[in-house]
Amino acid sequence: MLVLRNCLMRALAARQTQSVYYSKLLQAGVQNNFAHRAEVRKALAKNKEWQEQFLIPNLLLMDKQECEITYLVPWCKIQKPPKEGVYELVTFQMKPGGPALWGEAFQRAIYSHINLNYSKLVGVFHTEYGVLNKVHVLWWNESPDSRAAGRHQSHEDPRVVAAVRESVNYLVSQQNMLLVPASFSPLK
């Protein structure tokens, strides 16, 4: 089970102006089951150092927090990236009906991109709690430029175009974000 916590954080400019900048923080934590998740949360609630050094200072900057619990889809295994790089998190809001309705078409679309070998699939996750019928796909790329070049190549590949054309029939919306791992990230 993967827990995704998405926070919108405020940061005041260092100058004397009152400009406010926003930054998104995506925290992902792998937990074995709900009992393990409860143990982790209970331990953090008792950890005064964590509360004083991280939680309390950051609560003042946090405007919004969303939390989802997701599961790795059965046809995907988490893949470790070959080296440091950047990540793209693509979120698909699919039509109601779940993977029984759109799963095969979605899987074909993902594999059509994998087969071009411009990006490495890290994992595909489906929501269990949160907005339902949401799928998160995490890709690894050497750089934003290598990702852009690969995407342009994929738009011209008839296999990708056909697979995406089929999958889009089940799509409500999609969005993506470029993720650059922080210095303390295990993905660094």
Protein backbone atom coordinates (compact mmCIF):
# COMPACT_ATOMS: atom_id res chain seq x y z
CA MET A 1 0.00 0.00 0.00
CA LEU A 2 1.35 3.42 -0.96
CA VAL A 3 0.23 6.51 0.93
CA LEU A 4 0.48 9.72 -1.09
CA ARG A 5 0.38 13.00 0.81
CA ASN A 6 0.20 16.10 -1.35
CA CYS A 7 0.79 19.43 0.43
CA LEU A 8 0.55 22.96 -0.90
CA MET A 9 3.12 25.00 1.02
CA ARG A 10 3.54 28.75 1.29
CA ALA A 11 6.91 30.49 1.39
CA LEU A 12 7.33 34.21 1.86
CA ALA A 13 9.92 35.91 -0.29
CA ALA A 14 13.18 36.76 1.45
CA ARG A 15 12.79 40.38 0.43
CA GLN A 16 10.63 42.82 2.30
CA THR A 17 7.80 42.46 -0.20
CA GLN A 18 4.81 40.44 0.81
CA SER A 19 4.93 38.18 -2.24
CA VAL A 20 3.87 34.63 -1.52
CA TYR A 21 5.21 31.67 -3.46
CA TYR A 22 3.66 28.24 -3.43
CA SER A 23 5.43 24.93 -3.61
CA LYS A 24 4.04 21.42 -3.74
CA LEU A 25 5.45 18.70 -1.56
CA LEU A 26 4.65 15.14 -2.50
CA GLN A 27 5.39 12.60 0.19
CA ALA A 28 5.04 8.92 -0.58
CA GLY A 29 5.32 6.24 2.05
CA VAL A 30 5.08 2.50 1.58
CA GLN A 31 3.26 0.68 4.35
CA ASN A 32 2.42 -3.01 4.59
CA ASN A 33 -1.21 -2.68 5.65
CA PHE A 34 -3.57 -0.47 7.66
CA ALA A 35 -2.27 -1.79 10.99
CA HIS A 36 1.28 -0.83 9.97
CA ARG A 37 0.04 2.61 8.88
CA ALA A 38 -1.61 3.08 12.31
CA GLU A 39 1.64 2.06 14.07
CA VAL A 40 3.66 4.57 12.04
CA ARG A 41 1.21 7.38 12.77
CA LYS A 42 1.13 6.49 16.50
CA ALA A 43 4.94 6.51 16.68
CA LEU A 44 5.09 9.92 14.97
CA ALA A 45 2.51 11.31 17.40
CA LYS A 46 4.86 10.38 20.28
CA ASN A 47 8.04 11.63 18.58
CA LYS A 48 8.62 15.09 20.11
CA GLU A 49 11.76 15.74 18.05
CA TRP A 50 9.86 15.13 14.79
CA GLN A 51 7.00 17.35 15.95
CA GLU A 52 9.27 20.22 16.99
CA GLN A 53 11.71 20.12 14.08
CA PHE A 54 9.37 19.24 11.21
CA LEU A 55 5.66 19.18 11.94
CA ILE A 56 5.08 22.42 13.87
CA PRO A 57 7.26 24.68 11.65
CA ASN A 58 5.68 23.28 8.49
CA LEU A 59 2.08 23.41 9.70
CA LEU A 60 2.34 27.19 9.66
CA LEU A 61 3.19 27.08 5.94
CA MET A 62 0.71 24.44 4.88
CA ASP A 63 -2.46 25.66 3.16
CA LYS A 64 -3.84 22.34 2.03
CA GLN A 65 -3.11 18.64 2.42
CA GLU A 66 -4.64 15.75 0.51
CA CYS A 67 -4.03 12.13 1.41
CA GLU A 68 -4.72 9.04 -0.68
CA ILE A 69 -4.16 5.37 -0.09
CA THR A 70 -3.25 3.50 -3.25
CA TYR A 71 -2.28 -0.01 -4.24
CA LEU A 72 0.12 -1.20 -6.89
CA VAL A 73 -1.91 -2.60 -9.78
CA PRO A 74 -1.58 -6.40 -10.10
CA TRP A 75 0.20 -6.30 -13.48
CA CYS A 76 2.98 -3.98 -12.29
CA LYS A 77 6.03 -4.51 -10.09
CA ILE A 78 7.87 -1.55 -8.57
CA GLN A 79 11.04 -0.96 -10.56
CA LYS A 80 14.11 0.71 -9.11
CA PRO A 81 15.47 3.48 -11.35
CA PRO A 82 18.90 2.78 -12.85
CA LYS A 83 20.47 6.01 -11.53
CA GLU A 84 19.64 9.52 -10.37
CA GLY A 85 17.21 11.41 -12.53
CA VAL A 86 13.86 13.14 -12.50
CA TYR A 87 10.41 11.68 -12.18
CA GLU A 88 7.10 12.35 -13.82
CA LEU A 89 3.94 11.59 -11.90
CA VAL A 90 1.00 11.29 -14.28
CA THR A 91 -2.44 11.13 -12.70
CA PHE A 92 -5.38 9.78 -14.67
CA GLN A 93 -8.97 10.22 -13.52
CA MET A 94 -10.77 7.32 -15.15
CA LYS A 95 -14.50 6.80 -15.66
CA PRO A 96 -16.38 4.92 -12.93
CA GLY A 97 -16.28 1.16 -13.25
CA GLY A 98 -12.77 0.47 -12.04
CA PRO A 99 -10.08 -1.65 -13.63
CA ALA A 100 -12.69 -4.24 -14.66
CA LEU A 101 -13.95 -1.65 -17.17
CA TRP A 102 -10.83 0.22 -18.30
CA GLY A 103 -7.89 -1.81 -16.94
CA GLU A 104 -6.87 -3.72 -20.08
CA ALA A 105 -6.98 -0.66 -22.36
CA PHE A 106 -5.04 1.37 -19.80
CA GLN A 107 -2.42 -1.36 -19.45
CA ARG A 108 -1.94 -1.50 -23.24
CA ALA A 109 -1.41 2.27 -23.32
CA ILE A 110 1.21 2.09 -20.56
CA TYR A 111 3.05 -0.80 -22.22
CA SER A 112 3.07 1.03 -25.56
CA HIS A 113 5.15 3.76 -23.88
CA ILE A 114 7.38 1.23 -22.09
CA ASN A 115 8.17 -0.49 -25.38
CA LEU A 116 9.66 2.72 -26.80
CA ASN A 117 12.24 2.66 -23.97
CA TYR A 118 12.55 6.42 -23.55
CA SER A 119 11.37 6.34 -19.95
CA LYS A 120 11.39 3.73 -17.19
CA LEU A 121 8.19 2.79 -15.41
CA VAL A 122 8.61 2.90 -11.62
CA GLY A 123 5.06 1.91 -10.68
CA VAL A 124 1.34 2.15 -11.40
CA PHE A 125 -0.97 2.76 -8.42
CA HIS A 126 -4.77 2.73 -8.13
CA THR A 127 -6.69 4.54 -5.38
CA GLU A 128 -8.31 2.60 -2.59
CA TYR A 129 -9.17 5.68 -0.48
CA GLY A 130 -9.44 9.21 -1.78
CA VAL A 131 -10.87 10.10 -5.17
CA LEU A 132 -11.82 6.74 -6.65
CA ASN A 133 -10.90 5.57 -10.17
CA LYS A 134 -7.69 7.58 -10.02
CA VAL A 135 -4.50 6.00 -11.32
CA HIS A 136 -1.01 7.37 -10.62
CA VAL A 137 1.81 6.36 -12.97
CA LEU A 138 5.36 7.16 -11.84
CA TRP A 139 8.02 7.33 -14.57
CA TRP A 140 11.78 7.84 -14.27
CA ASN A 141 13.75 9.90 -16.81
CA GLU A 142 17.38 10.90 -17.05
CA SER A 143 16.40 14.56 -17.44
CA PRO A 144 13.42 16.73 -18.38
CA ASP A 145 14.92 17.08 -21.88
CA SER A 146 15.22 13.31 -22.43
CA ARG A 147 11.62 12.94 -21.28
CA ALA A 148 10.43 15.64 -23.72
CA ALA A 149 12.32 14.05 -26.62
CA GLY A 150 10.82 10.64 -25.82
CA ARG A 151 7.31 12.03 -25.58
CA HIS A 152 7.66 13.68 -28.99
CA GLN A 153 8.83 10.34 -30.39
CA SER A 154 5.86 8.54 -28.82
CA HIS A 155 3.36 10.93 -30.41
CA GLU A 156 4.57 9.76 -33.84
CA ASP A 157 4.52 6.03 -33.08
CA PRO A 158 1.36 4.38 -34.50
CA ARG A 159 1.33 1.70 -31.75
CA VAL A 160 1.26 4.34 -29.02
CA VAL A 161 -1.32 6.43 -30.85
CA ALA A 162 -3.62 3.39 -31.28
CA ALA A 163 -3.29 2.26 -27.65
CA VAL A 164 -3.85 5.76 -26.27
CA ARG A 165 -6.80 6.30 -28.61
CA GLU A 166 -8.46 3.19 -27.12
CA SER A 167 -7.64 4.08 -23.49
CA VAL A 168 -8.84 7.68 -23.80
CA ASN A 169 -12.41 6.41 -24.18
CA TYR A 170 -12.32 5.70 -20.43
CA LEU A 171 -10.52 8.89 -19.41
CA VAL A 172 -12.14 11.81 -17.58
CA SER A 173 -9.01 13.94 -17.09
CA GLN A 174 -5.28 13.72 -16.60
CA GLN A 175 -2.47 15.84 -15.24
CA ASN A 176 1.22 15.44 -14.68
CA MET A 177 3.98 16.97 -12.63
CA LEU A 178 7.74 16.90 -12.82
CA LEU A 179 9.28 15.68 -9.57
CA VAL A 180 12.83 16.52 -8.62
CA PRO A 181 13.88 14.48 -5.57
CA ALA A 182 14.95 16.43 -2.50
CA SER A 183 18.44 15.78 -1.14
CA PHE A 184 17.03 13.42 1.54
CA SER A 185 14.78 11.46 -0.83
CA PRO A 186 15.40 7.72 -1.22
CA LEU A 187 14.75 8.29 -4.94
CA LYS A 188 17.81 10.56 -5.17
